PDB file of N, CA and C in Angstrom:
ATOM      1  N   MET A   1      13.299  -6.117 -13.622  1.00  0.00           N
ATOM      2  CA  MET A   1      13.075  -5.417 -12.371  1.00  0.00           C
ATOM      3  C   MET A   1      12.985  -3.926 -12.635  1.00  0.00           C
ATOM      4  N   THR A   2      12.544  -3.204 -11.674  1.00  0.00           N
ATOM      5  CA  THR A   2      12.344  -1.767 -11.779  1.00  0.00           C
ATOM      6  C   THR A   2      13.675  -1.036 -11.894  1.00  0.00           C
ATOM      7  N   ALA A   3      13.716  -0.115 -12.842  1.00  0.00           N
ATOM      8  CA  ALA A   3      14.865   0.775 -12.942  1.00  0.00           C
ATOM      9  C   ALA A   3      14.580   1.997 -12.085  1.00  0.00           C
ATOM     10  N   ILE A   4      15.633   2.580 -11.526  1.00  0.00           N
ATOM     11  CA  ILE A   4      15.477   3.761 -10.673  1.00  0.00           C
ATOM     12  C   ILE A   4      14.730   4.861 -11.420  1.00  0.00           C
ATOM     13  N   GLY A   5      14.980   5.019 -12.722  1.00  0.00           N
ATOM     14  CA  GLY A   5      14.355   6.072 -13.511  1.00  0.00           C
ATOM     15  C   GLY A   5      12.846   5.951 -13.625  1.00  0.00           C
ATOM     16  N   LYS A   6      12.289   4.770 -13.372  1.00  0.00           N
ATOM     17  CA  LYS A   6      10.838   4.584 -13.434  1.00  0.00           C
ATOM     18  C   LYS A   6      10.146   4.960 -12.123  1.00  0.00           C
ATOM     19  N   MET A   7      10.918   5.242 -11.107  1.00  0.00           N
ATOM     20  CA  MET A   7      10.356   5.617  -9.807  1.00  0.00           C
ATOM     21  C   MET A   7      10.180   7.128  -9.803  1.00  0.00           C
ATOM     22  N   ARG A   8       9.045   7.580 -10.335  1.00  0.00           N
ATOM     23  CA  ARG A   8       8.803   9.011 -10.535  1.00  0.00           C
ATOM     24  C   ARG A   8       7.690   9.581  -9.678  1.00  0.00           C
ATOM     25  N   LYS A   9       7.085   8.759  -8.860  1.00  0.00           N
ATOM     26  CA  LYS A   9       5.975   9.211  -8.009  1.00  0.00           C
ATOM     27  C   LYS A   9       6.490   9.406  -6.589  1.00  0.00           C
ATOM     28  N   ARG A  10       6.139  10.540  -5.992  1.00  0.00           N
ATOM     29  CA  ARG A  10       6.540  10.812  -4.613  1.00  0.00           C
ATOM     30  C   ARG A  10       5.411  10.351  -3.702  1.00  0.00           C
ATOM     31  N   VAL A  11       5.688   9.383  -2.847  1.00  0.00           N
ATOM     32  CA  VAL A  11       4.671   8.823  -1.956  1.00  0.00           C
ATOM     33  C   VAL A  11       5.090   9.019  -0.509  1.00  0.00           C
ATOM     34  N   GLY A  12       4.104   9.044   0.360  1.00  0.00           N
ATOM     35  CA  GLY A  12       4.349   9.110   1.796  1.00  0.00           C
ATOM     36  C   GLY A  12       4.103   7.755   2.425  1.00  0.00           C
ATOM     37  N   ILE A  13       4.969   7.373   3.328  1.00  0.00           N
ATOM     38  CA  ILE A  13       4.785   6.150   4.109  1.00  0.00           C
ATOM     39  C   ILE A  13       4.347   6.600   5.504  1.00  0.00           C
ATOM     40  N   TYR A  14       3.225   6.076   5.957  1.00  0.00           N
ATOM     41  CA  TYR A  14       2.627   6.511   7.225  1.00  0.00           C
ATOM     42  C   TYR A  14       2.461   5.336   8.167  1.00  0.00           C
ATOM     43  N   SER A  15       2.564   5.628   9.452  1.00  0.00           N
ATOM     44  CA  SER A  15       2.152   4.665  10.471  1.00  0.00           C
ATOM     45  C   SER A  15       0.723   5.032  10.857  1.00  0.00           C
ATOM     46  N   ARG A  16      -0.062   4.029  11.185  1.00  0.00           N
ATOM     47  CA  ARG A  16      -1.475   4.242  11.494  1.00  0.00           C
ATOM     48  C   ARG A  16      -1.746   3.791  12.925  1.00  0.00           C
ATOM     49  N   ALA A  17      -2.499   4.606  13.625  1.00  0.00           N
ATOM     50  CA  ALA A  17      -2.897   4.254  14.983  1.00  0.00           C
ATOM     51  C   ALA A  17      -4.378   4.559  15.145  1.00  0.00           C
ATOM     52  N   ASP A  18      -5.127   3.566  15.592  1.00  0.00           N
ATOM     53  CA  ASP A  18      -6.543   3.743  15.915  1.00  0.00           C
ATOM     54  C   ASP A  18      -6.650   3.784  17.436  1.00  0.00           C
ATOM     55  N   THR A  19      -7.113   4.914  17.964  1.00  0.00           N
ATOM     56  CA  THR A  19      -7.273   5.042  19.406  1.00  0.00           C
ATOM     57  C   THR A  19      -8.747   5.177  19.744  1.00  0.00           C
ATOM     58  N   GLU A  20      -9.116   4.660  20.877  1.00  0.00           N
ATOM     59  CA  GLU A  20     -10.509   4.701  21.298  1.00  0.00           C
ATOM     60  C   GLU A  20     -10.895   6.136  21.646  1.00  0.00           C
ATOM     61  N   ALA A  21     -12.036   6.580  21.090  1.00  0.00           N
ATOM     62  CA  ALA A  21     -12.507   7.951  21.324  1.00  0.00           C
ATOM     63  C   ALA A  21     -13.914   7.932  21.903  1.00  0.00           C
ATOM     64  N   GLY A  22     -14.145   7.066  22.802  1.00  0.00           N
ATOM     65  CA  GLY A  22     -15.469   6.941  23.398  1.00  0.00           C
ATOM     66  C   GLY A  22     -15.854   5.478  23.487  1.00  0.00           C
ATOM     67  N   THR A  23     -17.122   5.249  23.784  1.00  0.00           N
ATOM     68  CA  THR A  23     -17.566   3.874  23.977  1.00  0.00           C
ATOM     69  C   THR A  23     -17.694   3.090  22.680  1.00  0.00           C
ATOM     70  N   SER A  24     -18.042   3.750  21.590  1.00  0.00           N
ATOM     71  CA  SER A  24     -18.244   2.992  20.350  1.00  0.00           C
ATOM     72  C   SER A  24     -17.574   3.631  19.138  1.00  0.00           C
ATOM     73  N   SER A  25     -16.571   4.444  19.356  1.00  0.00           N
ATOM     74  CA  SER A  25     -15.908   5.070  18.213  1.00  0.00           C
ATOM     75  C   SER A  25     -14.402   5.054  18.423  1.00  0.00           C
ATOM     76  N   SER A  26     -13.688   5.227  17.318  1.00  0.00           N
ATOM     77  CA  SER A  26     -12.240   5.298  17.403  1.00  0.00           C
ATOM     78  C   SER A  26     -11.743   6.477  16.580  1.00  0.00           C
ATOM     79  N   LEU A  27     -10.577   6.943  16.926  1.00  0.00           N
ATOM     80  CA  LEU A  27      -9.979   8.081  16.259  1.00  0.00           C
ATOM     81  C   LEU A  27      -8.765   7.588  15.482  1.00  0.00           C
ATOM     82  N   LEU A  28      -8.742   7.865  14.187  1.00  0.00           N
ATOM     83  CA  LEU A  28      -7.649   7.441  13.324  1.00  0.00           C
ATOM     84  C   LEU A  28      -6.568   8.516  13.292  1.00  0.00           C
ATOM     85  N   THR A  29      -5.331   8.111  13.574  1.00  0.00           N
ATOM     86  CA  THR A  29      -4.196   9.028  13.527  1.00  0.00           C
ATOM     87  C   THR A  29      -3.138   8.431  12.611  1.00  0.00           C
ATOM     88  N   ARG A  30      -2.690   9.218  11.625  1.00  0.00           N
ATOM     89  CA  ARG A  30      -1.621   8.778  10.732  1.00  0.00           C
ATOM     90  C   ARG A  30      -0.427   9.702  10.922  1.00  0.00           C
ATOM     91  N   THR A  31       0.764   9.114  11.022  1.00  0.00           N
ATOM     92  CA  THR A  31       1.993   9.871  11.218  1.00  0.00           C
ATOM     93  C   THR A  31       2.950   9.571  10.065  1.00  0.00           C
ATOM     94  N   LEU A  32       3.456  10.613   9.433  1.00  0.00           N
ATOM     95  CA  LEU A  32       4.383  10.445   8.325  1.00  0.00           C
ATOM     96  C   LEU A  32       5.698   9.851   8.823  1.00  0.00           C
ATOM     97  N   VAL A  33       6.105   8.740   8.201  1.00  0.00           N
ATOM     98  CA  VAL A  33       7.368   8.088   8.523  1.00  0.00           C
ATOM     99  C   VAL A  33       8.452   8.562   7.559  1.00  0.00           C
ATOM    100  N   ALA A  34       8.121   8.597   6.259  1.00  0.00           N
ATOM    101  CA  ALA A  34       9.101   9.000   5.245  1.00  0.00           C
ATOM    102  C   ALA A  34       8.383   9.328   3.943  1.00  0.00           C
ATOM    103  N   GLU A  35       9.016  10.157   3.128  1.00  0.00           N
ATOM    104  CA  GLU A  35       8.570  10.376   1.751  1.00  0.00           C
ATOM    105  C   GLU A  35       9.641   9.776   0.849  1.00  0.00           C
ATOM    106  N   VAL A  36       9.201   8.955  -0.105  1.00  0.00           N
ATOM    107  CA  VAL A  36      10.136   8.247  -0.976  1.00  0.00           C
ATOM    108  C   VAL A  36       9.641   8.289  -2.415  1.00  0.00           C
ATOM    109  N   TRP A  37      10.535   7.996  -3.343  1.00  0.00           N
ATOM    110  CA  TRP A  37      10.168   7.869  -4.755  1.00  0.00           C
ATOM    111  C   TRP A  37       9.696   6.447  -4.999  1.00  0.00           C
ATOM    112  N   ALA A  38       8.687   6.304  -5.870  1.00  0.00           N
ATOM    113  CA  ALA A  38       8.097   4.993  -6.100  1.00  0.00           C
ATOM    114  C   ALA A  38       7.612   4.849  -7.531  1.00  0.00           C
ATOM    115  N   GLN A  39       7.436   3.603  -7.921  1.00  0.00           N
ATOM    116  CA  GLN A  39       6.734   3.265  -9.149  1.00  0.00           C
ATOM    117  C   GLN A  39       5.405   2.650  -8.712  1.00  0.00           C
ATOM    118  N   ILE A  40       4.314   3.132  -9.289  1.00  0.00           N
ATOM    119  CA  ILE A  40       2.983   2.624  -8.933  1.00  0.00           C
ATOM    120  C   ILE A  40       2.352   2.016 -10.165  1.00  0.00           C
ATOM    121  N   ILE A  41       1.936   0.762 -10.046  1.00  0.00           N
ATOM    122  CA  ILE A  41       1.302   0.058 -11.156  1.00  0.00           C
ATOM    123  C   ILE A  41      -0.091  -0.363 -10.705  1.00  0.00           C
ATOM    124  N   ASN A  42      -1.101   0.033 -11.480  1.00  0.00           N
ATOM    125  CA  ASN A  42      -2.467  -0.387 -11.223  1.00  0.00           C
ATOM    126  C   ASN A  42      -2.607  -1.826 -11.700  1.00  0.00           C
ATOM    127  N   ILE A  43      -3.061  -2.707 -10.822  1.00  0.00           N
ATOM    128  CA  ILE A  43      -3.199  -4.116 -11.163  1.00  0.00           C
ATOM    129  C   ILE A  43      -4.441  -4.298 -12.027  1.00  0.00           C
ATOM    130  N   THR A  44      -4.329  -5.080 -13.090  1.00  0.00           N
ATOM    131  CA  THR A  44      -5.471  -5.324 -13.977  1.00  0.00           C
ATOM    132  C   THR A  44      -6.508  -6.202 -13.293  1.00  0.00           C
ATOM    133  N   GLY A  45      -7.691  -6.246 -13.863  1.00  0.00           N
ATOM    134  CA  GLY A  45      -8.788  -7.026 -13.288  1.00  0.00           C
ATOM    135  C   GLY A  45      -8.448  -8.488 -13.101  1.00  0.00           C
ATOM    136  N   THR A  46      -7.800  -9.108 -14.077  1.00  0.00           N
ATOM    137  CA  THR A  46      -7.435 -10.515 -13.970  1.00  0.00           C
ATOM    138  C   THR A  46      -6.434 -10.728 -12.845  1.00  0.00           C
ATOM    139  N   GLN A  47      -5.469  -9.832 -12.728  1.00  0.00           N
ATOM    140  CA  GLN A  47      -4.482  -9.942 -11.660  1.00  0.00           C
ATOM    141  C   GLN A  47      -5.142  -9.739 -10.298  1.00  0.00           C
ATOM    142  N   GLN A  48      -6.166  -8.860 -10.223  1.00  0.00           N
ATOM    143  CA  GLN A  48      -6.879  -8.660  -8.956  1.00  0.00           C
ATOM    144  C   GLN A  48      -7.595  -9.934  -8.543  1.00  0.00           C
ATOM    145  N   ILE A  49      -8.226 -10.616  -9.495  1.00  0.00           N
ATOM    146  CA  ILE A  49      -8.923 -11.863  -9.183  1.00  0.00           C
ATOM    147  C   ILE A  49      -7.928 -12.905  -8.702  1.00  0.00           C
ATOM    148  N   ASP A  50      -6.778 -13.014  -9.383  1.00  0.00           N
ATOM    149  CA  ASP A  50      -5.744 -13.958  -8.967  1.00  0.00           C
ATOM    150  C   ASP A  50      -5.249 -13.649  -7.568  1.00  0.00           C
ATOM    151  N   SER A  51      -5.056 -12.357  -7.250  1.00  0.00           N
ATOM    152  CA  SER A  51      -4.561 -11.993  -5.924  1.00  0.00           C
ATOM    153  C   SER A  51      -5.606 -12.280  -4.857  1.00  0.00           C
ATOM    154  N   ARG A  52      -6.885 -12.087  -5.173  1.00  0.00           N
ATOM    155  CA  ARG A  52      -7.935 -12.403  -4.187  1.00  0.00           C
ATOM    156  C   ARG A  52      -7.978 -13.892  -3.924  1.00  0.00           C
ATOM    157  N   ASN A  53      -7.782 -14.705  -4.972  1.00  0.00           N
ATOM    158  CA  ASN A  53      -7.759 -16.155  -4.786  1.00  0.00           C
ATOM    159  C   ASN A  53      -6.581 -16.586  -3.928  1.00  0.00           C
ATOM    160  N   ALA A  54      -5.495 -15.823  -3.986  1.00  0.00           N
ATOM    161  CA  ALA A  54      -4.315 -16.123  -3.157  1.00  0.00           C
ATOM    162  C   ALA A  54      -4.468 -15.558  -1.750  1.00  0.00           C
ATOM    163  N   GLY A  55      -5.538 -14.798  -1.509  1.00  0.00           N
ATOM    164  CA  GLY A  55      -5.804 -14.278  -0.179  1.00  0.00           C
ATOM    165  C   GLY A  55      -5.309 -12.863   0.061  1.00  0.00           C
ATOM    166  N   ALA A  56      -4.613 -12.263  -0.892  1.00  0.00           N
ATOM    167  CA  ALA A  56      -4.051 -10.933  -0.657  1.00  0.00           C
ATOM    168  C   ALA A  56      -5.031  -9.827  -1.011  1.00  0.00           C
ATOM    169  N   GLY A  57      -5.708  -9.905  -2.163  1.00  0.00           N
ATOM    170  CA  GLY A  57      -6.652  -8.880  -2.578  1.00  0.00           C
ATOM    171  C   GLY A  57      -5.986  -7.544  -2.788  1.00  0.00           C
ATOM    172  N   VAL A  58      -5.249  -7.371  -3.880  1.00  0.00           N
ATOM    173  CA  VAL A  58      -4.512  -6.142  -4.118  1.00  0.00           C
ATOM    174  C   VAL A  58      -5.054  -5.391  -5.327  1.00  0.00           C
ATOM    175  N   SER A  59      -4.885  -4.063  -5.325  1.00  0.00           N
ATOM    176  CA  SER A  59      -5.304  -3.247  -6.459  1.00  0.00           C
ATOM    177  C   SER A  59      -4.128  -2.517  -7.095  1.00  0.00           C
ATOM    178  N   HIS A  60      -3.024  -2.356  -6.358  1.00  0.00           N
ATOM    179  CA  HIS A  60      -1.862  -1.635  -6.864  1.00  0.00           C
ATOM    180  C   HIS A  60      -0.570  -2.307  -6.397  1.00  0.00           C
ATOM    181  N   ARG A  61       0.447  -2.212  -7.231  1.00  0.00           N
ATOM    182  CA  ARG A  61       1.780  -2.688  -6.872  1.00  0.00           C
ATOM    183  C   ARG A  61       2.682  -1.457  -6.816  1.00  0.00           C
ATOM    184  N   ILE A  62       3.260  -1.215  -5.653  1.00  0.00           N
ATOM    185  CA  ILE A  62       4.109  -0.038  -5.443  1.00  0.00           C
ATOM    186  C   ILE A  62       5.519  -0.530  -5.145  1.00  0.00           C
ATOM    187  N   THR A  63       6.491  -0.045  -5.927  1.00  0.00           N
ATOM    188  CA  THR A  63       7.880  -0.432  -5.750  1.00  0.00           C
ATOM    189  C   THR A  63       8.660   0.769  -5.236  1.00  0.00           C
ATOM    190  N   ILE A  64       9.414   0.555  -4.155  1.00  0.00           N
ATOM    191  CA  ILE A  64      10.239   1.609  -3.556  1.00  0.00           C
ATOM    192  C   ILE A  64      11.646   1.055  -3.319  1.00  0.00           C
ATOM    193  N   ARG A  65      12.574   1.947  -2.998  1.00  0.00           N
ATOM    194  CA  ARG A  65      13.911   1.488  -2.588  1.00  0.00           C
ATOM    195  C   ARG A  65      13.775   0.721  -1.282  1.00  0.00           C
ATOM    196  N   ASP A  66      14.677  -0.219  -1.070  1.00  0.00           N
ATOM    197  CA  ASP A  66      14.634  -1.064   0.122  1.00  0.00           C
ATOM    198  C   ASP A  66      14.731  -0.227   1.402  1.00  0.00           C
ATOM    199  N   ARG A  67      13.841  -0.514   2.330  1.00  0.00           N
ATOM    200  CA  ARG A  67      13.825   0.128   3.649  1.00  0.00           C
ATOM    201  C   ARG A  67      13.512  -0.949   4.675  1.00  0.00           C
ATOM    202  N   SER A  68      14.126  -0.842   5.826  1.00  0.00           N
ATOM    203  CA  SER A  68      13.884  -1.835   6.874  1.00  0.00           C
ATOM    204  C   SER A  68      12.674  -1.482   7.745  1.00  0.00           C
ATOM    205  N   ASP A  69      12.163  -0.247   7.607  1.00  0.00           N
ATOM    206  CA  ASP A  69      11.084   0.202   8.488  1.00  0.00           C
ATOM    207  C   ASP A  69       9.697   0.158   7.842  1.00  0.00           C
ATOM    208  N   VAL A  70       9.539  -0.573   6.744  1.00  0.00           N
ATOM    209  CA  VAL A  70       8.241  -0.676   6.073  1.00  0.00           C
ATOM    210  C   VAL A  70       7.682  -2.071   6.289  1.00  0.00           C
ATOM    211  N   SER A  71       6.429  -2.137   6.737  1.00  0.00           N
ATOM    212  CA  SER A  71       5.767  -3.425   6.956  1.00  0.00           C
ATOM    213  C   SER A  71       4.280  -3.284   6.655  1.00  0.00           C
ATOM    214  N   LYS A  72       3.548  -4.352   6.900  1.00  0.00           N
ATOM    215  CA  LYS A  72       2.115  -4.359   6.614  1.00  0.00           C
ATOM    216  C   LYS A  72       1.319  -3.442   7.529  1.00  0.00           C
ATOM    217  N   VAL A  73       1.909  -2.942   8.584  1.00  0.00           N
ATOM    218  CA  VAL A  73       1.192  -2.023   9.471  1.00  0.00           C
ATOM    219  C   VAL A  73       1.218  -0.588   8.949  1.00  0.00           C
ATOM    220  N   ASN A  74       2.056  -0.324   7.940  1.00  0.00           N
ATOM    221  CA  ASN A  74       2.133   1.012   7.358  1.00  0.00           C
ATOM    222  C   ASN A  74       1.073   1.204   6.287  1.00  0.00           C
ATOM    223  N   GLU A  75       0.839   2.465   5.937  1.00  0.00           N
ATOM    224  CA  GLU A  75      -0.030   2.821   4.820  1.00  0.00           C
ATOM    225  C   GLU A  75       0.730   3.774   3.916  1.00  0.00           C
ATOM    226  N   ILE A  76       0.309   3.810   2.653  1.00  0.00           N
ATOM    227  CA  ILE A  76       0.938   4.657   1.647  1.00  0.00           C
ATOM    228  C   ILE A  76      -0.074   5.723   1.235  1.00  0.00           C
ATOM    229  N   LYS A  77       0.411   6.957   1.040  1.00  0.00           N
ATOM    230  CA  LYS A  77      -0.434   8.024   0.514  1.00  0.00           C
ATOM    231  C   LYS A  77       0.203   8.558  -0.760  1.00  0.00           C
ATOM    232  N   TYR A  78      -0.605   8.590  -1.829  1.00  0.00           N
ATOM    233  CA  TYR A  78      -0.153   9.162  -3.089  1.00  0.00           C
ATOM    234  C   TYR A  78      -1.316   9.899  -3.734  1.00  0.00           C
ATOM    235  N   ASP A  79      -1.091  11.128  -4.110  1.00  0.00           N
ATOM    236  CA  ASP A  79      -2.079  11.924  -4.840  1.00  0.00           C
ATOM    237  C   ASP A  79      -3.422  11.973  -4.108  1.00  0.00           C
ATOM    238  N   GLY A  80      -3.367  12.105  -2.782  1.00  0.00           N
ATOM    239  CA  GLY A  80      -4.578  12.206  -1.983  1.00  0.00           C
ATOM    240  C   GLY A  80      -5.288  10.887  -1.733  1.00  0.00           C
ATOM    241  N   LYS A  81      -4.720   9.781  -2.192  1.00  0.00           N
ATOM    242  CA  LYS A  81      -5.332   8.455  -2.014  1.00  0.00           C
ATOM    243  C   LYS A  81      -4.498   7.639  -1.042  1.00  0.00           C
ATOM    244  N   TRP A  82      -5.197   6.812  -0.268  1.00  0.00           N
ATOM    245  CA  TRP A  82      -4.557   5.970   0.740  1.00  0.00           C
ATOM    246  C   TRP A  82      -4.551   4.524   0.296  1.00  0.00           C
ATOM    247  N   TYR A  83      -3.465   3.818   0.629  1.00  0.00           N
ATOM    248  CA  TYR A  83      -3.304   2.407   0.283  1.00  0.00           C
ATOM    249  C   TYR A  83      -2.832   1.653   1.515  1.00  0.00           C
ATOM    250  N   THR A  84      -3.470   0.524   1.800  1.00  0.00           N
ATOM    251  CA  THR A  84      -3.003  -0.343   2.862  1.00  0.00           C
ATOM    252  C   THR A  84      -2.113  -1.412   2.232  1.00  0.00           C
ATOM    253  N   ILE A  85      -1.090  -1.832   2.946  1.00  0.00           N
ATOM    254  CA  ILE A  85      -0.121  -2.782   2.412  1.00  0.00           C
ATOM    255  C   ILE A  85      -0.553  -4.197   2.756  1.00  0.00           C
ATOM    256  N   ALA A  86      -0.775  -5.013   1.719  1.00  0.00           N
ATOM    257  CA  ALA A  86      -1.165  -6.410   1.922  1.00  0.00           C
ATOM    258  C   ALA A  86       0.060  -7.306   2.067  1.00  0.00           C
ATOM    259  N   THR A  87       1.078  -7.086   1.236  1.00  0.00           N
ATOM    260  CA  THR A  87       2.311  -7.873   1.321  1.00  0.00           C
ATOM    261  C   THR A  87       3.517  -6.983   1.065  1.00  0.00           C
ATOM    262  N   VAL A  88       4.624  -7.354   1.677  1.00  0.00           N
ATOM    263  CA  VAL A  88       5.907  -6.673   1.465  1.00  0.00           C
ATOM    264  C   VAL A  88       6.890  -7.744   1.023  1.00  0.00           C
ATOM    265  N   GLN A  89       7.479  -7.540  -0.160  1.00  0.00           N
ATOM    266  CA  GLN A  89       8.428  -8.525  -0.681  1.00  0.00           C
ATOM    267  C   GLN A  89       9.697  -7.816  -1.125  1.00  0.00           C
ATOM    268  N   ARG A  90      10.820  -8.418  -0.834  1.00  0.00           N
ATOM    269  CA  ARG A  90      12.075  -7.909  -1.387  1.00  0.00           C
ATOM    270  C   ARG A  90      12.125  -8.329  -2.848  1.00  0.00           C
ATOM    271  N   ALA A  91      12.608  -7.437  -3.693  1.00  0.00           N
ATOM    272  CA  ALA A  91      12.713  -7.747  -5.109  1.00  0.00           C
ATOM    273  C   ALA A  91      13.636  -8.945  -5.292  1.00  0.00           C
ATOM    274  N   ASP A  92      13.387  -9.704  -6.335  1.00  0.00           N
ATOM    275  CA  ASP A  92      14.139 -10.942  -6.522  1.00  0.00           C
ATOM    276  C   ASP A  92      15.448 -10.744  -7.291  1.00  0.00           C
ATOM    277  N   ASP A  93      15.966  -9.521  -7.327  1.00  0.00           N
ATOM    278  CA  ASP A  93      17.296  -9.352  -7.912  1.00  0.00           C
ATOM    279  C   ASP A  93      18.346  -9.686  -6.858  1.00  0.00           C
ATOM    280  N   GLU A  94      19.550  -9.941  -7.265  1.00  0.00           N
ATOM    281  CA  GLU A  94      20.576 -10.422  -6.340  1.00  0.00           C
ATOM    282  C   GLU A  94      20.972  -9.391  -5.293  1.00  0.00           C
ATOM    283  N   ARG A  95      20.760  -8.123  -5.557  1.00  0.00           N
ATOM    284  CA  ARG A  95      21.180  -7.088  -4.606  1.00  0.00           C
ATOM    285  C   ARG A  95      20.065  -6.666  -3.654  1.00  0.00           C
ATOM    286  N   GLU A  96      18.853  -7.095  -3.896  1.00  0.00           N
ATOM    287  CA  GLU A  96      17.696  -6.763  -3.048  1.00  0.00           C
ATOM    288  C   GLU A  96      17.632  -5.272  -2.756  1.00  0.00           C
ATOM    289  N   ARG A  97      17.633  -4.470  -3.810  1.00  0.00           N
ATOM    290  CA  ARG A  97      17.628  -3.012  -3.663  1.00  0.00           C
ATOM    291  C   ARG A  97      16.231  -2.435  -3.544  1.00  0.00           C
ATOM    292  N   PHE A  98      15.192  -3.237  -3.811  1.00  0.00           N
ATOM    293  CA  PHE A  98      13.829  -2.713  -3.872  1.00  0.00           C
ATOM    294  C   PHE A  98      12.889  -3.515  -2.983  1.00  0.00           C
ATOM    295  N   LEU A  99      11.804  -2.840  -2.562  1.00  0.00           N
ATOM    296  CA  LEU A  99      10.680  -3.501  -1.913  1.00  0.00           C
ATOM    297  C   LEU A  99       9.487  -3.395  -2.842  1.00  0.00           C
ATOM    298  N   VAL A 100       8.759  -4.481  -2.989  1.00  0.00           N
ATOM    299  CA  VAL A 100       7.531  -4.489  -3.770  1.00  0.00           C
ATOM    300  C   VAL A 100       6.384  -4.604  -2.775  1.00  0.00           C
ATOM    301  N   LEU A 101       5.538  -3.568  -2.758  1.00  0.00           N
ATOM    302  CA  LEU A 101       4.405  -3.508  -1.840  1.00  0.00           C
ATOM    303  C   LEU A 101       3.135  -3.780  -2.629  1.00  0.00           C
ATOM    304  N   GLU A 102       2.453  -4.847  -2.309  1.00  0.00           N
ATOM    305  CA  GLU A 102       1.169  -5.124  -2.935  1.00  0.00           C
ATOM    306  C   GLU A 102       0.126  -4.480  -2.039  1.00  0.00           C
ATOM    307  N   CYS A 103      -0.640  -3.556  -2.604  1.00  0.00           N
ATOM    308  CA  CYS A 103      -1.511  -2.688  -1.806  1.00  0.00           C
ATOM    309  C   CYS A 103      -2.953  -2.736  -2.274  1.00  0.00           C
ATOM    310  N   LEU A 104      -3.831  -2.325  -1.387  1.00  0.00           N
ATOM    311  CA  LEU A 104      -5.250  -2.192  -1.670  1.00  0.00           C
ATOM    312  C   LEU A 104      -5.651  -0.761  -1.384  1.00  0.00           C
ATOM    313  N   GLN A 105      -6.289  -0.117  -2.356  1.00  0.00           N
ATOM    314  CA  GLN A 105      -6.683   1.283  -2.182  1.00  0.00           C
ATOM    315  C   GLN A 105      -7.806   1.397  -1.163  1.00  0.00           C
ATOM    316  N   LEU A 106      -7.657   2.377  -0.271  1.00  0.00           N
ATOM    317  CA  LEU A 106      -8.662   2.650   0.752  1.00  0.00           C
ATOM    318  C   LEU A 106      -9.526   3.824   0.342  1.00  0.00           C
ATOM    319  N   ASP A 107     -10.720   3.896   0.892  1.00  0.00           N
ATOM    320  CA  ASP A 107     -11.574   5.055   0.724  1.00  0.00           C
ATOM    321  C   ASP A 107     -11.001   6.180   1.586  1.00  0.00           C
ATOM    322  N   THR A 108     -11.488   7.393   1.420  1.00  0.00           N
ATOM    323  CA  THR A 108     -10.933   8.539   2.138  1.00  0.00           C
ATOM    324  C   THR A 108     -11.097   8.420   3.656  1.00  0.00           C
ATOM    325  N   ASP A 109     -12.068   7.655   4.120  1.00  0.00           N
ATOM    326  CA  ASP A 109     -12.257   7.513   5.569  1.00  0.00           C
ATOM    327  C   ASP A 109     -11.447   6.355   6.160  1.00  0.00           C
ATOM    328  N   GLY A 110     -10.572   5.740   5.345  1.00  0.00           N
ATOM    329  CA  GLY A 110      -9.719   4.671   5.852  1.00  0.00           C
ATOM    330  C   GLY A 110     -10.307   3.291   5.740  1.00  0.00           C
ATOM    331  N   THR A 111     -11.475   3.154   5.111  1.00  0.00           N
ATOM    332  CA  THR A 111     -12.079   1.847   4.902  1.00  0.00           C
ATOM    333  C   THR A 111     -11.784   1.389   3.486  1.00  0.00           C
ATOM    334  N   LEU A 112     -12.122   0.144   3.185  1.00  0.00           N
ATOM    335  CA  LEU A 112     -11.893  -0.359   1.841  1.00  0.00           C
ATOM    336  C   LEU A 112     -12.635   0.487   0.822  1.00  0.00           C
ATOM    337  N   ASP A 113     -11.969   0.771  -0.292  1.00  0.00           N
ATOM    338  CA  ASP A 113     -12.554   1.570  -1.370  1.00  0.00           C
ATOM    339  C   ASP A 113     -13.796   0.853  -1.880  1.00  0.00           C
ATOM    340  N   SER A 114     -14.885   1.592  -2.050  1.00  0.00           N
ATOM    341  CA  SER A 114     -16.146   1.002  -2.490  1.00  0.00           C
ATOM    342  C   SER A 114     -16.071   0.447  -3.898  1.00  0.00           C
ATOM    343  N   GLN A 115     -15.059   0.838  -4.665  1.00  0.00           N
ATOM    344  CA  GLN A 115     -14.917   0.325  -6.024  1.00  0.00           C
ATOM    345  C   GLN A 115     -13.988  -0.875  -6.090  1.00  0.00           C
ATOM    346  N   SER A 116     -13.383  -1.252  -4.970  1.00  0.00           N
ATOM    347  CA  SER A 116     -12.483  -2.391  -4.982  1.00  0.00           C
ATOM    348  C   SER A 116     -13.283  -3.679  -5.016  1.00  0.00           C
ATOM    349  N   PRO A 117     -12.721  -4.764  -5.537  1.00  0.00           N
ATOM    350  CA  PRO A 117     -13.447  -6.027  -5.606  1.00  0.00           C
ATOM    351  C   PRO A 117     -13.872  -6.557  -4.239  1.00  0.00           C
ATOM    352  N   GLU A 118     -13.062  -6.318  -3.184  1.00  0.00           N
ATOM    353  CA  GLU A 118     -13.411  -6.822  -1.864  1.00  0.00           C
ATOM    354  C   GLU A 118     -14.638  -6.118  -1.293  1.00  0.00           C
ATOM    355  N   ALA A 119     -14.849  -4.859  -1.637  1.00  0.00           N
ATOM    356  CA  ALA A 119     -15.970  -4.101  -1.090  1.00  0.00           C
ATOM    357  C   ALA A 119     -17.298  -4.627  -1.616  1.00  0.00           C
ATOM    358  N   ALA A 120     -17.273  -5.276  -2.771  1.00  0.00           N
ATOM    359  CA  ALA A 120     -18.507  -5.771  -3.380  1.00  0.00           C
ATOM    360  C   ALA A 120     -18.935  -7.099  -2.763  1.00  0.00           C
ATOM    361  N   GLU A 121     -18.041  -7.758  -2.005  1.00  0.00           N
ATOM    362  CA  GLU A 121     -18.370  -9.060  -1.442  1.00  0.00           C
ATOM    363  C   GLU A 121     -19.208  -8.938  -0.190  1.00  0.00           C
TER     364      GLU A 121
END
């Protein structure tokens, strides 16, 4: 499992709200919920294919300290990049000190990243 010392990336956890801004457009609003330390692992190509077959379609695995206010409706921001959360799992250690977030990188406009495997489908 992840050691605290490997959590060296500072990430923001955001809530996302899409509000209607006219007849055919919406306005995206993100609100910072918390900044936390995290470990970010880029998922390899084989693991991405396996995750797509399982229905999740993930590109990154982000591990943070356990929080009760993180769910699939949140988004993560790190180094100017946005990630949507596909799954939230408590770590399988006996103390459940960590959350493992399986995420998919978004493009800057909040849509799926054009380089992600799902965007090519």
